PDB file of all heavy atoms in Angstrom:
ATOM      1  N   VAL A   1     -50.056  41.729 122.375  1.00  0.00           N
ATOM      2  CA  VAL A   1     -49.777  42.111 120.998  1.00  0.00           C
ATOM      3  C   VAL A   1     -50.551  41.171 120.084  1.00  0.00           C
ATOM      4  O   VAL A   1     -50.413  39.950 120.176  1.00  0.00           O
ATOM      5  CB  VAL A   1     -48.276  42.036 120.673  1.00  0.00           C
ATOM      6  CG1 VAL A   1     -48.036  42.432 119.217  1.00  0.00           C
ATOM      7  CG2 VAL A   1     -47.478  42.925 121.616  1.00  0.00           C
ATOM      8  N   GLU A   2     -51.370  41.757 119.216  1.00  0.00           N
ATOM      9  CA  GLU A   2     -52.201  40.959 118.316  1.00  0.00           C
ATOM     10  C   GLU A   2     -51.452  40.707 117.012  1.00  0.00           C
ATOM     11  O   GLU A   2     -50.852  41.622 116.440  1.00  0.00           O
ATOM     12  CB  GLU A   2     -53.514  41.674 118.029  1.00  0.00           C
ATOM     13  CG  GLU A   2     -54.493  40.862 117.194  1.00  0.00           C
ATOM     14  CD  GLU A   2     -55.823  41.561 116.982  1.00  0.00           C
ATOM     15  OE1 GLU A   2     -55.999  42.687 117.511  1.00  0.00           O
ATOM     16  OE2 GLU A   2     -56.672  40.995 116.277  1.00  0.00           O
ATOM     17  N   ILE A   3     -51.494  39.466 116.556  1.00  0.00           N
ATOM     18  CA  ILE A   3     -50.832  39.108 115.297  1.00  0.00           C
ATOM     19  C   ILE A   3     -51.778  38.279 114.428  1.00  0.00           C
ATOM     20  O   ILE A   3     -52.663  37.598 114.940  1.00  0.00           O
ATOM     21  CB  ILE A   3     -49.522  38.325 115.519  1.00  0.00           C
ATOM     22  CG1 ILE A   3     -49.807  36.953 116.152  1.00  0.00           C
ATOM     23  CG2 ILE A   3     -48.539  39.130 116.369  1.00  0.00           C
ATOM     24  CD1 ILE A   3     -48.601  36.031 116.205  1.00  0.00           C
ATOM     25  N   ASP A   4     -51.581  38.356 113.129  1.00  0.00           N
ATOM     26  CA  ASP A   4     -52.224  37.456 112.171  1.00  0.00           C
ATOM     27  C   ASP A   4     -51.130  36.642 111.502  1.00  0.00           C
ATOM     28  O   ASP A   4     -50.126  37.208 111.037  1.00  0.00           O
ATOM     29  CB  ASP A   4     -52.999  38.237 111.096  1.00  0.00           C
ATOM     30  CG  ASP A   4     -54.236  38.927 111.645  1.00  0.00           C
ATOM     31  OD1 ASP A   4     -54.855  38.388 112.583  1.00  0.00           O
ATOM     32  OD2 ASP A   4     -54.574  40.021 111.131  1.00  0.00           O
ATOM     33  N   ILE A   5     -51.306  35.325 111.462  1.00  0.00           N
ATOM     34  CA  ILE A   5     -50.348  34.454 110.796  1.00  0.00           C
ATOM     35  C   ILE A   5     -50.984  33.908 109.526  1.00  0.00           C
ATOM     36  O   ILE A   5     -52.044  33.283 109.570  1.00  0.00           O
ATOM     37  CB  ILE A   5     -49.891  33.292 111.693  1.00  0.00           C
ATOM     38  CG1 ILE A   5     -49.244  33.822 112.987  1.00  0.00           C
ATOM     39  CG2 ILE A   5     -48.898  32.401 110.946  1.00  0.00           C
ATOM     40  CD1 ILE A   5     -48.734  32.731 113.915  1.00  0.00           C
ATOM     41  N   TYR A   6     -50.343  34.181 108.388  1.00  0.00           N
ATOM     42  CA  TYR A   6     -50.796  33.705 107.078  1.00  0.00           C
ATOM     43  C   TYR A   6     -49.977  32.464 106.720  1.00  0.00           C
ATOM     44  O   TYR A   6     -48.756  32.551 106.535  1.00  0.00           O
ATOM     45  CB  TYR A   6     -50.596  34.788 106.021  1.00  0.00           C
ATOM     46  CG  TYR A   6     -51.428  36.031 106.239  1.00  0.00           C
ATOM     47  CD1 TYR A   6     -51.015  37.026 107.131  1.00  0.00           C
ATOM     48  CD2 TYR A   6     -52.631  36.223 105.554  1.00  0.00           C
ATOM     49  CE1 TYR A   6     -51.772  38.167 107.337  1.00  0.00           C
ATOM     50  CE2 TYR A   6     -53.392  37.364 105.747  1.00  0.00           C
ATOM     51  CZ  TYR A   6     -52.966  38.326 106.644  1.00  0.00           C
ATOM     52  OH  TYR A   6     -53.719  39.462 106.839  1.00  0.00           O
ATOM     53  N   THR A   7     -50.659  31.327 106.635  1.00  0.00           N
ATOM     54  CA  THR A   7     -49.970  30.056 106.434  1.00  0.00           C
ATOM     55  C   THR A   7     -50.497  29.351 105.193  1.00  0.00           C
ATOM     56  O   THR A   7     -51.702  29.090 105.087  1.00  0.00           O
ATOM     57  CB  THR A   7     -50.169  29.131 107.645  1.00  0.00           C
ATOM     58  OG1 THR A   7     -49.818  29.830 108.841  1.00  0.00           O
ATOM     59  CG2 THR A   7     -49.309  27.883 107.522  1.00  0.00           C
ATOM     60  N   PRO A   8     -49.626  29.008 104.245  1.00  0.00           N
ATOM     61  CA  PRO A   8     -50.067  28.221 103.083  1.00  0.00           C
ATOM     62  C   PRO A   8     -50.535  26.835 103.538  1.00  0.00           C
ATOM     63  O   PRO A   8     -49.926  26.219 104.419  1.00  0.00           O
ATOM     64  CB  PRO A   8     -48.799  28.117 102.221  1.00  0.00           C
ATOM     65  CG  PRO A   8     -47.896  29.188 102.720  1.00  0.00           C
ATOM     66  CD  PRO A   8     -48.206  29.364 104.163  1.00  0.00           C
ATOM     67  N   GLU A   9     -51.613  26.359 102.926  1.00  0.00           N
ATOM     68  CA  GLU A   9     -52.124  25.032 103.252  1.00  0.00           C
ATOM     69  C   GLU A   9     -51.190  23.934 102.731  1.00  0.00           C
ATOM     70  O   GLU A   9     -50.461  24.124 101.770  1.00  0.00           O
ATOM     71  CB  GLU A   9     -53.512  24.822 102.627  1.00  0.00           C
ATOM     72  CG  GLU A   9     -54.653  25.401 103.427  1.00  0.00           C
ATOM     73  CD  GLU A   9     -55.996  24.969 102.870  1.00  0.00           C
ATOM     74  OE1 GLU A   9     -56.037  24.308 101.804  1.00  0.00           O
ATOM     75  OE2 GLU A   9     -57.025  25.314 103.485  1.00  0.00           O
ATOM     76  N   GLY A  10     -51.270  22.780 103.388  1.00  0.00           N
ATOM     77  CA  GLY A  10     -50.626  21.585 102.859  1.00  0.00           C
ATOM     78  C   GLY A  10     -49.128  21.532 103.000  1.00  0.00           C
ATOM     79  O   GLY A  10     -48.457  20.841 102.222  1.00  0.00           O
ATOM     80  N   ILE A  11     -48.564  22.251 103.977  1.00  0.00           N
ATOM     81  CA  ILE A  11     -47.126  22.163 104.188  1.00  0.00           C
ATOM     82  C   ILE A  11     -46.793  20.775 104.727  1.00  0.00           C
ATOM     83  O   ILE A  11     -47.355  20.326 105.727  1.00  0.00           O
ATOM     84  CB  ILE A  11     -46.629  23.248 105.167  1.00  0.00           C
ATOM     85  CG1 ILE A  11     -46.872  24.640 104.574  1.00  0.00           C
ATOM     86  CG2 ILE A  11     -45.148  23.056 105.478  1.00  0.00           C
ATOM     87  CD1 ILE A  11     -46.456  25.775 105.487  1.00  0.00           C
ATOM     88  N   LEU A  12     -45.864  20.101 104.062  1.00  0.00           N
ATOM     89  CA  LEU A  12     -45.503  18.737 104.453  1.00  0.00           C
ATOM     90  C   LEU A  12     -44.295  18.705 105.380  1.00  0.00           C
ATOM     91  O   LEU A  12     -44.113  17.761 106.141  1.00  0.00           O
ATOM     92  CB  LEU A  12     -45.205  17.906 103.198  1.00  0.00           C
ATOM     93  CG  LEU A  12     -46.352  17.773 102.198  1.00  0.00           C
ATOM     94  CD1 LEU A  12     -45.880  17.045 100.951  1.00  0.00           C
ATOM     95  CD2 LEU A  12     -47.543  17.067 102.825  1.00  0.00           C
ATOM     96  N   GLY A  13     -43.485  19.738 105.317  1.00  0.00           N
ATOM     97  CA  GLY A  13     -42.300  19.790 106.158  1.00  0.00           C
ATOM     98  C   GLY A  13     -41.012  19.530 105.396  1.00  0.00           C
ATOM     99  O   GLY A  13     -39.919  19.780 105.911  1.00  0.00           O
ATOM    100  N   ASN A  14     -41.135  19.033 104.165  1.00  0.00           N
ATOM    101  CA  ASN A  14     -39.928  18.787 103.369  1.00  0.00           C
ATOM    102  C   ASN A  14     -39.651  19.929 102.389  1.00  0.00           C
ATOM    103  O   ASN A  14     -38.708  19.874 101.613  1.00  0.00           O
ATOM    104  CB  ASN A  14     -40.039  17.463 102.612  1.00  0.00           C
ATOM    105  CG  ASN A  14     -41.248  17.420 101.680  1.00  0.00           C
ATOM    106  OD1 ASN A  14     -42.089  18.322 101.720  1.00  0.00           O
ATOM    107  ND2 ASN A  14     -41.337  16.384 100.869  1.00  0.00           N
ATOM    108  N   GLU A  15     -40.492  20.969 102.426  1.00  0.00           N
ATOM    109  CA  GLU A  15     -40.270  22.132 101.575  1.00  0.00           C
ATOM    110  C   GLU A  15     -39.245  23.064 102.245  1.00  0.00           C
ATOM    111  O   GLU A  15     -38.929  22.929 103.431  1.00  0.00           O
ATOM    112  CB  GLU A  15     -41.570  22.924 101.364  1.00  0.00           C
ATOM    113  CG  GLU A  15     -42.720  22.124 100.790  1.00  0.00           C
ATOM    114  CD  GLU A  15     -43.616  21.535 101.868  1.00  0.00           C
ATOM    115  OE1 GLU A  15     -43.167  21.426 103.035  1.00  0.00           O
ATOM    116  OE2 GLU A  15     -44.752  21.192 101.544  1.00  0.00           O
ATOM    117  N   LYS A  16     -38.742  24.029 101.486  1.00  0.00           N
ATOM    118  CA  LYS A  16     -37.980  25.111 102.096  1.00  0.00           C
ATOM    119  C   LYS A  16     -38.986  26.082 102.695  1.00  0.00           C
ATOM    120  O   LYS A  16     -39.750  26.726 101.978  1.00  0.00           O
ATOM    121  CB  LYS A  16     -37.092  25.831 101.077  1.00  0.00           C
ATOM    122  CG  LYS A  16     -36.292  26.992 101.696  1.00  0.00           C
ATOM    123  CD  LYS A  16     -35.421  27.697 100.681  1.00  0.00           C
ATOM    124  CE  LYS A  16     -34.187  26.887 100.366  1.00  0.00           C
ATOM    125  NZ  LYS A  16     -33.231  27.666  99.536  1.00  0.00           N
ATOM    126  N   ILE A  17     -38.997  26.181 104.012  1.00  0.00           N
ATOM    127  CA  ILE A  17     -39.967  27.023 104.711  1.00  0.00           C
ATOM    128  C   ILE A  17     -39.290  28.332 105.100  1.00  0.00           C
ATOM    129  O   ILE A  17     -38.233  28.339 105.730  1.00  0.00           O
ATOM    130  CB  ILE A  17     -40.534  26.312 105.949  1.00  0.00           C
ATOM    131  CG1 ILE A  17     -41.260  25.027 105.521  1.00  0.00           C
ATOM    132  CG2 ILE A  17     -41.486  27.231 106.707  1.00  0.00           C
ATOM    133  CD1 ILE A  17     -41.742  24.184 106.676  1.00  0.00           C
ATOM    134  N   GLU A  18     -39.917  29.448 104.699  1.00  0.00           N
ATOM    135  CA  GLU A  18     -39.381  30.774 104.983  1.00  0.00           C
ATOM    136  C   GLU A  18     -40.389  31.560 105.809  1.00  0.00           C
ATOM    137  O   GLU A  18     -41.578  31.220 105.865  1.00  0.00           O
ATOM    138  CB  GLU A  18     -39.030  31.498 103.683  1.00  0.00           C
ATOM    139  CG  GLU A  18     -38.042  30.676 102.841  1.00  0.00           C
ATOM    140  CD  GLU A  18     -37.433  31.435 101.698  1.00  0.00           C
ATOM    141  OE1 GLU A  18     -38.188  31.853 100.806  1.00  0.00           O
ATOM    142  OE2 GLU A  18     -36.205  31.593 101.702  1.00  0.00           O
ATOM    143  N   LEU A  19     -39.907  32.615 106.457  1.00  0.00           N
ATOM    144  CA  LEU A  19     -40.739  33.369 107.402  1.00  0.00           C
ATOM    145  C   LEU A  19     -40.537  34.862 107.179  1.00  0.00           C
ATOM    146  O   LEU A  19     -39.417  35.338 107.024  1.00  0.00           O
ATOM    147  CB  LEU A  19     -40.355  33.004 108.837  1.00  0.00           C
ATOM    148  CG  LEU A  19     -41.067  33.755 109.969  1.00  0.00           C
ATOM    149  CD1 LEU A  19     -42.552  33.448 109.984  1.00  0.00           C
ATOM    150  CD2 LEU A  19     -40.433  33.400 111.322  1.00  0.00           C
ATOM    151  N   LEU A  20     -41.654  35.598 107.186  1.00  0.00           N
ATOM    152  CA  LEU A  20     -41.617  37.057 107.085  1.00  0.00           C
ATOM    153  C   LEU A  20     -42.442  37.663 108.199  1.00  0.00           C
ATOM    154  O   LEU A  20     -43.614  37.301 108.380  1.00  0.00           O
ATOM    155  CB  LEU A  20     -42.172  37.517 105.728  1.00  0.00           C
ATOM    156  CG  LEU A  20     -42.396  39.025 105.563  1.00  0.00           C
ATOM    157  CD1 LEU A  20     -41.078  39.792 105.634  1.00  0.00           C
ATOM    158  CD2 LEU A  20     -43.123  39.323 104.247  1.00  0.00           C
ATOM    159  N   LEU A  21     -41.839  38.582 108.952  1.00  0.00           N
ATOM    160  CA  LEU A  21     -42.568  39.402 109.914  1.00  0.00           C
ATOM    161  C   LEU A  21     -42.883  40.741 109.256  1.00  0.00           C
ATOM    162  O   LEU A  21     -42.042  41.309 108.559  1.00  0.00           O
ATOM    163  CB  LEU A  21     -41.741  39.650 111.180  1.00  0.00           C
ATOM    164  CG  LEU A  21     -41.153  38.456 111.920  1.00  0.00           C
ATOM    165  CD1 LEU A  21     -40.474  38.928 113.211  1.00  0.00           C
ATOM    166  CD2 LEU A  21     -42.208  37.408 112.215  1.00  0.00           C
ATOM    167  N   LEU A  22     -44.090  41.242 109.488  1.00  0.00           N
ATOM    168  CA  LEU A  22     -44.495  42.546 108.955  1.00  0.00           C
ATOM    169  C   LEU A  22     -44.995  43.433 110.092  1.00  0.00           C
ATOM    170  O   LEU A  22     -45.962  43.078 110.789  1.00  0.00           O
ATOM    171  CB  LEU A  22     -45.609  42.381 107.920  1.00  0.00           C
ATOM    172  CG  LEU A  22     -45.211  41.927 106.512  1.00  0.00           C
ATOM    173  CD1 LEU A  22     -46.454  41.619 105.693  1.00  0.00           C
ATOM    174  CD2 LEU A  22     -44.385  43.010 105.816  1.00  0.00           C
ATOM    175  N   ASN A  23     -44.338  44.572 110.294  1.00  0.00           N
ATOM    176  CA  ASN A  23     -44.870  45.566 111.220  1.00  0.00           C
ATOM    177  C   ASN A  23     -46.135  46.203 110.641  1.00  0.00           C
ATOM    178  O   ASN A  23     -46.405  46.111 109.445  1.00  0.00           O
ATOM    179  CB  ASN A  23     -43.837  46.665 111.464  1.00  0.00           C
ATOM    180  CG  ASN A  23     -42.894  46.343 112.617  1.00  0.00           C
ATOM    181  OD1 ASN A  23     -43.208  45.544 113.502  1.00  0.00           O
ATOM    182  ND2 ASN A  23     -41.725  46.977 112.613  1.00  0.00           N
ATOM    183  N   ASP A  24     -46.900  46.881 111.495  1.00  0.00           N
ATOM    184  CA  ASP A  24     -48.140  47.542 111.083  1.00  0.00           C
ATOM    185  C   ASP A  24     -49.083  46.545 110.432  1.00  0.00           C
ATOM    186  O   ASP A  24     -49.605  46.760 109.322  1.00  0.00           O
ATOM    187  CB  ASP A  24     -47.863  48.732 110.162  1.00  0.00           C
ATOM    188  CG  ASP A  24     -47.445  49.973 110.947  1.00  0.00           C
ATOM    189  OD1 ASP A  24     -48.051  50.228 112.012  1.00  0.00           O
ATOM    190  OD2 ASP A  24     -46.525  50.682 110.519  1.00  0.00           O
ATOM    191  N   GLY A  25     -49.310  45.447 111.139  1.00  0.00           N
ATOM    192  CA  GLY A  25     -50.208  44.415 110.639  1.00  0.00           C
ATOM    193  C   GLY A  25     -51.624  44.890 110.422  1.00  0.00           C
ATOM    194  O   GLY A  25     -52.373  44.290 109.640  1.00  0.00           O
ATOM    195  N   GLN A  26     -52.007  45.991 111.067  1.00  0.00           N
ATOM    196  CA  GLN A  26     -53.341  46.548 110.838  1.00  0.00           C
ATOM    197  C   GLN A  26     -53.467  47.065 109.405  1.00  0.00           C
ATOM    198  O   GLN A  26     -54.571  47.097 108.850  1.00  0.00           O
ATOM    199  CB  GLN A  26     -53.658  47.654 111.855  1.00  0.00           C
ATOM    200  CG  GLN A  26     -52.891  48.949 111.681  1.00  0.00           C
ATOM    201  CD  GLN A  26     -51.463  48.892 112.215  1.00  0.00           C
ATOM    202  OE1 GLN A  26     -51.033  47.892 112.771  1.00  0.00           O
ATOM    203  NE2 GLN A  26     -50.732  49.984 112.059  1.00  0.00           N
ATOM    204  N   ASP A  27     -52.343  47.458 108.787  1.00  0.00           N
ATOM    205  CA  ASP A  27     -52.363  47.864 107.380  1.00  0.00           C
ATOM    206  C   ASP A  27     -52.379  46.645 106.466  1.00  0.00           C
ATOM    207  O   ASP A  27     -53.002  46.664 105.395  1.00  0.00           O
ATOM    208  CB  ASP A  27     -51.161  48.747 107.062  1.00  0.00           C
ATOM    209  CG  ASP A  27     -51.279  50.138 107.657  1.00  0.00           C
ATOM    210  OD1 ASP A  27     -52.421  50.560 107.942  1.00  0.00           O
ATOM    211  OD2 ASP A  27     -50.250  50.799 107.852  1.00  0.00           O
ATOM    212  N   VAL A  28     -51.692  45.581 106.868  1.00  0.00           N
ATOM    213  CA  VAL A  28     -51.733  44.336 106.096  1.00  0.00           C
ATOM    214  C   VAL A  28     -53.166  43.829 106.012  1.00  0.00           C
ATOM    215  O   VAL A  28     -53.608  43.322 104.969  1.00  0.00           O
ATOM    216  CB  VAL A  28     -50.816  43.270 106.735  1.00  0.00           C
ATOM    217  CG1 VAL A  28     -50.887  41.958 105.960  1.00  0.00           C
ATOM    218  CG2 VAL A  28     -49.372  43.768 106.796  1.00  0.00           C
ATOM    219  N   ALA A  29     -53.915  43.981 107.113  1.00  0.00           N
ATOM    220  CA  ALA A  29     -55.304  43.519 107.156  1.00  0.00           C
ATOM    221  C   ALA A  29     -56.196  44.273 106.176  1.00  0.00           C
ATOM    222  O   ALA A  29     -57.265  43.776 105.792  1.00  0.00           O
ATOM    223  CB  ALA A  29     -55.854  43.651 108.582  1.00  0.00           C
ATOM    224  N   LYS A  30     -55.762  45.460 105.746  1.00  0.00           N
ATOM    225  CA  LYS A  30     -56.530  46.244 104.773  1.00  0.00           C
ATOM    226  C   LYS A  30     -56.231  45.817 103.337  1.00  0.00           C
ATOM    227  O   LYS A  30     -56.898  46.266 102.406  1.00  0.00           O
ATOM    228  CB  LYS A  30     -56.216  47.733 104.933  1.00  0.00           C
ATOM    229  CG  LYS A  30     -56.595  48.305 106.301  1.00  0.00           C
ATOM    230  CD  LYS A  30     -56.084  49.737 106.438  1.00  0.00           C
ATOM    231  CE  LYS A  30     -56.334  50.277 107.843  1.00  0.00           C
ATOM    232  NZ  LYS A  30     -55.731  51.634 108.014  1.00  0.00           N
ATOM    233  N   MET A  31     -55.206  44.997 103.163  1.00  0.00           N
ATOM    234  CA  MET A  31     -54.835  44.507 101.833  1.00  0.00           C
ATOM    235  C   MET A  31     -55.540  43.190 101.548  1.00  0.00           C
ATOM    236  O   MET A  31     -56.027  42.521 102.451  1.00  0.00           O
ATOM    237  CB  MET A  31     -53.313  44.272 101.764  1.00  0.00           C
ATOM    238  CG  MET A  31     -52.451  45.460 102.075  1.00  0.00           C
ATOM    239  SD  MET A  31     -50.682  45.010 102.019  1.00  0.00           S
ATOM    240  CE  MET A  31     -49.941  46.550 102.581  1.00  0.00           C
ATOM    241  N   ASP A  32     -55.530  42.809 100.306  1.00  0.00           N
ATOM    242  CA  ASP A  32     -55.985  41.464  99.932  1.00  0.00           C
ATOM    243  C   ASP A  32     -54.768  40.549 100.037  1.00  0.00           C
ATOM    244  O   ASP A  32     -54.291  39.987  99.044  1.00  0.00           O
ATOM    245  CB  ASP A  32     -56.553  41.478  98.514  1.00  0.00           C
ATOM    246  CG  ASP A  32     -57.294  40.197  98.171  1.00  0.00           C
ATOM    247  OD1 ASP A  32     -57.356  39.292  99.031  1.00  0.00           O
ATOM    248  OD2 ASP A  32     -57.799  40.097  97.037  1.00  0.00           O
ATOM    249  N   PHE A  33     -54.268  40.408 101.272  1.00  0.00           N
ATOM    250  CA  PHE A  33     -52.960  39.799 101.442  1.00  0.00           C
ATOM    251  C   PHE A  33     -52.961  38.295 101.192  1.00  0.00           C
ATOM    252  O   PHE A  33     -51.978  37.746 100.678  1.00  0.00           O
ATOM    253  CB  PHE A  33     -52.401  40.097 102.839  1.00  0.00           C
ATOM    254  CG  PHE A  33     -50.936  39.784 102.956  1.00  0.00           C
ATOM    255  CD1 PHE A  33     -49.987  40.641 102.427  1.00  0.00           C
ATOM    256  CD2 PHE A  33     -50.509  38.613 103.544  1.00  0.00           C
ATOM    257  CE1 PHE A  33     -48.630  40.344 102.492  1.00  0.00           C
ATOM    258  CE2 PHE A  33     -49.159  38.304 103.619  1.00  0.00           C
ATOM    259  CZ  PHE A  33     -48.222  39.176 103.091  1.00  0.00           C
ATOM    260  N   SER A  34     -54.036  37.612 101.545  1.00  0.00           N
ATOM    261  CA  SER A  34     -54.094  36.173 101.273  1.00  0.00           C
ATOM    262  C   SER A  34     -53.952  35.904  99.783  1.00  0.00           C
ATOM    263  O   SER A  34     -53.236  34.988  99.367  1.00  0.00           O
ATOM    264  CB  SER A  34     -55.397  35.573 101.806  1.00  0.00           C
ATOM    265  OG  SER A  34     -55.412  35.576 103.213  1.00  0.00           O
ATOM    266  N   ARG A  35     -54.625  36.724  98.970  1.00  0.00           N
ATOM    267  CA  ARG A  35     -54.515  36.561  97.513  1.00  0.00           C
ATOM    268  C   ARG A  35     -53.090  36.837  97.052  1.00  0.00           C
ATOM    269  O   ARG A  35     -52.542  36.104  96.206  1.00  0.00           O
ATOM    270  CB  ARG A  35     -55.478  37.511  96.799  1.00  0.00           C
ATOM    271  CG  ARG A  35     -55.370  37.457  95.268  1.00  0.00           C
ATOM    272  CD  ARG A  35     -56.128  38.589  94.612  1.00  0.00           C
ATOM    273  NE  ARG A  35     -55.684  39.896  95.049  1.00  0.00           N
ATOM    274  CZ  ARG A  35     -54.582  40.518  94.610  1.00  0.00           C
ATOM    275  NH1 ARG A  35     -53.793  39.927  93.728  1.00  0.00           N
ATOM    276  NH2 ARG A  35     -54.255  41.706  95.061  1.00  0.00           N
ATOM    277  N   ILE A  36     -52.464  37.886  97.587  1.00  0.00           N
ATOM    278  CA  ILE A  36     -51.080  38.202  97.206  1.00  0.00           C
ATOM    279  C   ILE A  36     -50.164  37.021  97.510  1.00  0.00           C
ATOM    280  O   ILE A  36     -49.335  36.629  96.690  1.00  0.00           O
ATOM    281  CB  ILE A  36     -50.598  39.461  97.953  1.00  0.00           C
ATOM    282  CG1 ILE A  36     -51.349  40.704  97.451  1.00  0.00           C
ATOM    283  CG2 ILE A  36     -49.088  39.645  97.792  1.00  0.00           C
ATOM    284  CD1 ILE A  36     -51.072  41.956  98.249  1.00  0.00           C
ATOM    285  N   LEU A  37     -50.336  36.436  98.688  1.00  0.00           N
ATOM    286  CA  LEU A  37     -49.472  35.326  99.075  1.00  0.00           C
ATOM    287  C   LEU A  37     -49.780  34.069  98.269  1.00  0.00           C
ATOM    288  O   LEU A  37     -48.867  33.320  97.891  1.00  0.00           O
ATOM    289  CB  LEU A  37     -49.621  35.059 100.576  1.00  0.00           C
ATOM    290  CG  LEU A  37     -48.511  34.241 101.246  1.00  0.00           C
ATOM    291  CD1 LEU A  37     -47.138  34.844 100.986  1.00  0.00           C
ATOM    292  CD2 LEU A  37     -48.771  34.131 102.744  1.00  0.00           C
ATOM    293  N   GLU A  38     -51.058  33.855  97.980  1.00  0.00           N
ATOM    294  CA  GLU A  38     -51.420  32.720  97.134  1.00  0.00           C
ATOM    295  C   GLU A  38     -50.803  32.858  95.743  1.00  0.00           C
ATOM    296  O   GLU A  38     -50.258  31.890  95.184  1.00  0.00           O
ATOM    297  CB  GLU A  38     -52.942  32.606  97.032  1.00  0.00           C
ATOM    298  CG  GLU A  38     -53.597  32.097  98.316  1.00  0.00           C
ATOM    299  CD  GLU A  38     -55.114  32.237  98.305  1.00  0.00           C
ATOM    300  OE1 GLU A  38     -55.672  32.683  97.278  1.00  0.00           O
ATOM    301  OE2 GLU A  38     -55.741  31.912  99.328  1.00  0.00           O
ATOM    302  N   GLU A  39     -50.864  34.046  95.183  1.00  0.00           N
ATOM    303  CA  GLU A  39     -50.290  34.265  93.856  1.00  0.00           C
ATOM    304  C   GLU A  39     -48.763  34.150  93.888  1.00  0.00           C
ATOM    305  O   GLU A  39     -48.141  33.681  92.921  1.00  0.00           O
ATOM    306  CB  GLU A  39     -50.716  35.627  93.314  1.00  0.00           C
ATOM    307  CG  GLU A  39     -52.202  35.679  92.972  1.00  0.00           C
ATOM    308  CD  GLU A  39     -52.622  37.007  92.358  1.00  0.00           C
ATOM    309  OE1 GLU A  39     -51.761  37.918  92.273  1.00  0.00           O
ATOM    310  OE2 GLU A  39     -53.802  37.135  91.979  1.00  0.00           O
ATOM    311  N   ALA A  40     -48.146  34.541  95.010  1.00  0.00           N
ATOM    312  CA  ALA A  40     -46.695  34.416  95.132  1.00  0.00           C
ATOM    313  C   ALA A  40     -46.266  32.951  95.116  1.00  0.00           C
ATOM    314  O   ALA A  40     -45.183  32.614  94.640  1.00  0.00           O
ATOM    315  CB  ALA A  40     -46.216  35.084  96.419  1.00  0.00           C
TER     316      ALA A  40
END
């Protein structure tokens, strides 16, 4: 099973770290998802 993991840079470990799984990752790959997550 192929996955892409989108990880914000510079995580120190003292932040509140949350996790989201997304089905149909091949559709996520068609989005500008890194930008969406950066803006979030």
